[in-house]
Amino acid sequence: PLNAPRERILAEVSSADFKKAGIRFPKQLPAKANVDRGKYCRYHRSYGHVTEDCVHLKDAIEILIQKGYARKYVKDGEKETHEAQMAIEAPTPEEDD
């Protein structure tokens, strides 16, 4: 779980970090006639859903966390669990006989 809203993470993580992580911002889509104008997504820069519910932003933040650009937004207990899991999955050098 995150310790900050997705919208705040989007605002605080630099565009350069997104690029370094291999994430491209989506192109702004043309406005649709029947879209709920009360719901705006800052990641897509368009209406239809709110930033906090944006699945694409959720995925982008996950990539940023995995690549080390947004680890400060992971709840402390989750950081330790993630690091422990990575240590378990890391290959160990084989011992010589």
C-alpha atoms as a PDB file:
ATOM      1  CA  PRO A   1       0.000   0.000   0.000  1.00  0.00           C
ATOM      2  CA  LEU A   2       0.973   3.581  -0.627  1.00  0.00           C
ATOM      3  CA  ASN A   3       1.431   6.207   2.069  1.00  0.00           C
ATOM      4  CA  ALA A   4       0.219   9.049  -0.182  1.00  0.00           C
ATOM      5  CA  PRO A   5      -2.584   9.569  -2.706  1.00  0.00           C
ATOM      6  CA  ARG A   6      -1.688   8.750  -6.319  1.00  0.00           C
ATOM      7  CA  GLU A   7      -2.402  12.336  -7.345  1.00  0.00           C
ATOM      8  CA  ARG A   8       0.233  13.606  -4.890  1.00  0.00           C
ATOM      9  CA  ILE A   9       2.785  11.069  -6.117  1.00  0.00           C
ATOM     10  CA  LEU A  10       2.119  12.171  -9.692  1.00  0.00           C
ATOM     11  CA  ALA A  11       2.684  15.795  -8.667  1.00  0.00           C
ATOM     12  CA  GLU A  12       5.870  15.102  -6.698  1.00  0.00           C
ATOM     13  CA  VAL A  13       7.729  12.578  -8.872  1.00  0.00           C
ATOM     14  CA  SER A  14       9.580  14.386 -11.637  1.00  0.00           C
ATOM     15  CA  SER A  15       8.923  13.868 -15.323  1.00  0.00           C
ATOM     16  CA  ALA A  16      12.597  12.943 -15.615  1.00  0.00           C
ATOM     17  CA  ASP A  17      12.087  10.047 -13.179  1.00  0.00           C
ATOM     18  CA  PHE A  18       9.129   8.832 -15.236  1.00  0.00           C
ATOM     19  CA  LYS A  19      11.354   8.894 -18.335  1.00  0.00           C
ATOM     20  CA  LYS A  20      14.254   7.155 -16.551  1.00  0.00           C
ATOM     21  CA  ALA A  21      11.828   4.416 -15.485  1.00  0.00           C
ATOM     22  CA  GLY A  22      10.730   3.981 -19.107  1.00  0.00           C
ATOM     23  CA  ILE A  23       7.259   5.433 -18.587  1.00  0.00           C
ATOM     24  CA  ARG A  24       5.796   7.773 -21.173  1.00  0.00           C
ATOM     25  CA  PHE A  25       2.929  10.042 -20.272  1.00  0.00           C
ATOM     26  CA  PRO A  26      -0.190   9.233 -22.294  1.00  0.00           C
ATOM     27  CA  LYS A  27      -1.247  11.606 -25.026  1.00  0.00           C
ATOM     28  CA  GLN A  28      -4.154  13.825 -24.114  1.00  0.00           C
ATOM     29  CA  LEU A  29      -7.292  12.347 -25.600  1.00  0.00           C
ATOM     30  CA  PRO A  30      -9.894  14.505 -27.335  1.00  0.00           C
ATOM     31  CA  ALA A  31     -12.913  15.271 -25.177  1.00  0.00           C
ATOM     32  CA  LYS A  32     -15.900  12.959 -25.592  1.00  0.00           C
ATOM     33  CA  ALA A  33     -19.448  14.304 -25.579  1.00  0.00           C
ATOM     34  CA  ASN A  34     -20.922  11.929 -22.971  1.00  0.00           C
ATOM     35  CA  VAL A  35     -18.034  12.015 -20.487  1.00  0.00           C
ATOM     36  CA  ASP A  36     -18.585  12.960 -16.844  1.00  0.00           C
ATOM     37  CA  ARG A  37     -16.924  16.399 -16.628  1.00  0.00           C
ATOM     38  CA  GLY A  38     -16.915  16.092 -12.841  1.00  0.00           C
ATOM     39  CA  LYS A  39     -14.201  13.428 -13.036  1.00  0.00           C
ATOM     40  CA  TYR A  40     -10.759  14.577 -14.184  1.00  0.00           C
ATOM     41  CA  CYS A  41      -7.576  12.522 -14.432  1.00  0.00           C
ATOM     42  CA  ARG A  42      -4.381  14.544 -14.135  1.00  0.00           C
ATOM     43  CA  TYR A  43      -2.328  11.652 -15.549  1.00  0.00           C
ATOM     44  CA  HIS A  44      -4.358  11.459 -18.770  1.00  0.00           C
ATOM     45  CA  ARG A  45      -5.183  15.184 -18.712  1.00  0.00           C
ATOM     46  CA  SER A  46      -8.751  14.338 -19.633  1.00  0.00           C
ATOM     47  CA  TYR A  47     -12.205  13.749 -18.171  1.00  0.00           C
ATOM     48  CA  GLY A  48     -13.908  10.435 -17.504  1.00  0.00           C
ATOM     49  CA  HIS A  49     -12.321   9.142 -14.295  1.00  0.00           C
ATOM     50  CA  VAL A  50     -10.536  10.645 -11.311  1.00  0.00           C
ATOM     51  CA  THR A  51      -6.769  10.486 -10.917  1.00  0.00           C
ATOM     52  CA  GLU A  52      -6.984   8.328  -7.794  1.00  0.00           C
ATOM     53  CA  ASP A  53      -8.898   5.607  -9.709  1.00  0.00           C
ATOM     54  CA  CYS A  54      -6.585   5.649 -12.748  1.00  0.00           C
ATOM     55  CA  VAL A  55      -5.363   2.116 -13.458  1.00  0.00           C
ATOM     56  CA  HIS A  56      -2.626   3.347 -15.807  1.00  0.00           C
ATOM     57  CA  LEU A  57      -1.240   5.665 -13.124  1.00  0.00           C
ATOM     58  CA  LYS A  58      -1.374   2.831 -10.589  1.00  0.00           C
ATOM     59  CA  ASP A  59       0.728   0.688 -12.936  1.00  0.00           C
ATOM     60  CA  ALA A  60       3.154   3.561 -13.595  1.00  0.00           C
ATOM     61  CA  ILE A  61       3.639   4.153  -9.858  1.00  0.00           C
ATOM     62  CA  GLU A  62       4.318   0.440  -9.347  1.00  0.00           C
ATOM     63  CA  ILE A  63       7.063   0.606 -11.982  1.00  0.00           C
ATOM     64  CA  LEU A  64       8.502   3.757 -10.368  1.00  0.00           C
ATOM     65  CA  ILE A  65       8.596   1.980  -6.997  1.00  0.00           C
ATOM     66  CA  GLN A  66      10.214  -1.157  -8.429  1.00  0.00           C
ATOM     67  CA  LYS A  67      12.892   0.914 -10.163  1.00  0.00           C
ATOM     68  CA  GLY A  68      13.599   2.934  -7.024  1.00  0.00           C
ATOM     69  CA  TYR A  69      12.185   6.321  -8.033  1.00  0.00           C
ATOM     70  CA  ALA A  70       9.206   6.345  -5.658  1.00  0.00           C
ATOM     71  CA  ARG A  71      10.041   4.015  -2.775  1.00  0.00           C
ATOM     72  CA  LYS A  72       9.376   6.760  -0.238  1.00  0.00           C
ATOM     73  CA  TYR A  73       5.673   6.429  -1.073  1.00  0.00           C
ATOM     74  CA  VAL A  74       5.468   2.808   0.092  1.00  0.00           C
ATOM     75  CA  LYS A  75       4.256   2.235   3.646  1.00  0.00           C
ATOM     76  CA  ASP A  76       7.208   1.275   5.869  1.00  0.00           C
ATOM     77  CA  GLY A  77       6.068  -2.266   6.633  1.00  0.00           C
ATOM     78  CA  GLU A  78       5.568  -2.902   2.918  1.00  0.00           C
ATOM     79  CA  LYS A  79       9.113  -1.720   2.083  1.00  0.00           C
ATOM     80  CA  GLU A  80      10.570  -4.297   4.438  1.00  0.00           C
ATOM     81  CA  THR A  81       8.325  -7.042   3.070  1.00  0.00           C
ATOM     82  CA  HIS A  82       9.222  -6.141  -0.534  1.00  0.00           C
ATOM     83  CA  GLU A  83      12.959  -6.046   0.234  1.00  0.00           C
ATOM     84  CA  ALA A  84      12.764  -9.362   2.088  1.00  0.00           C
ATOM     85  CA  GLN A  85      10.916 -10.937  -0.842  1.00  0.00           C
ATOM     86  CA  MET A  86      13.567  -9.656  -3.241  1.00  0.00           C
ATOM     87  CA  ALA A  87      16.293 -11.139  -1.013  1.00  0.00           C
ATOM     88  CA  ILE A  88      14.515 -14.499  -0.998  1.00  0.00           C
ATOM     89  CA  GLU A  89      14.178 -14.471  -4.771  1.00  0.00           C
ATOM     90  CA  ALA A  90      17.763 -13.325  -5.398  1.00  0.00           C
ATOM     91  CA  PRO A  91      20.057 -16.083  -6.632  1.00  0.00           C
ATOM     92  CA  THR A  92      22.711 -17.146  -4.170  1.00  0.00           C
ATOM     93  CA  PRO A  93      26.268 -17.924  -5.247  1.00  0.00           C
ATOM     94  CA  GLU A  94      26.977 -21.619  -5.284  1.00  0.00           C
ATOM     95  CA  GLU A  95      29.552 -22.739  -2.765  1.00  0.00           C
ATOM     96  CA  ASP A  96      32.704 -24.446  -4.035  1.00  0.00           C
ATOM     97  CA  ASP A  97      33.398 -27.938  -2.701  1.00  0.00           C
END
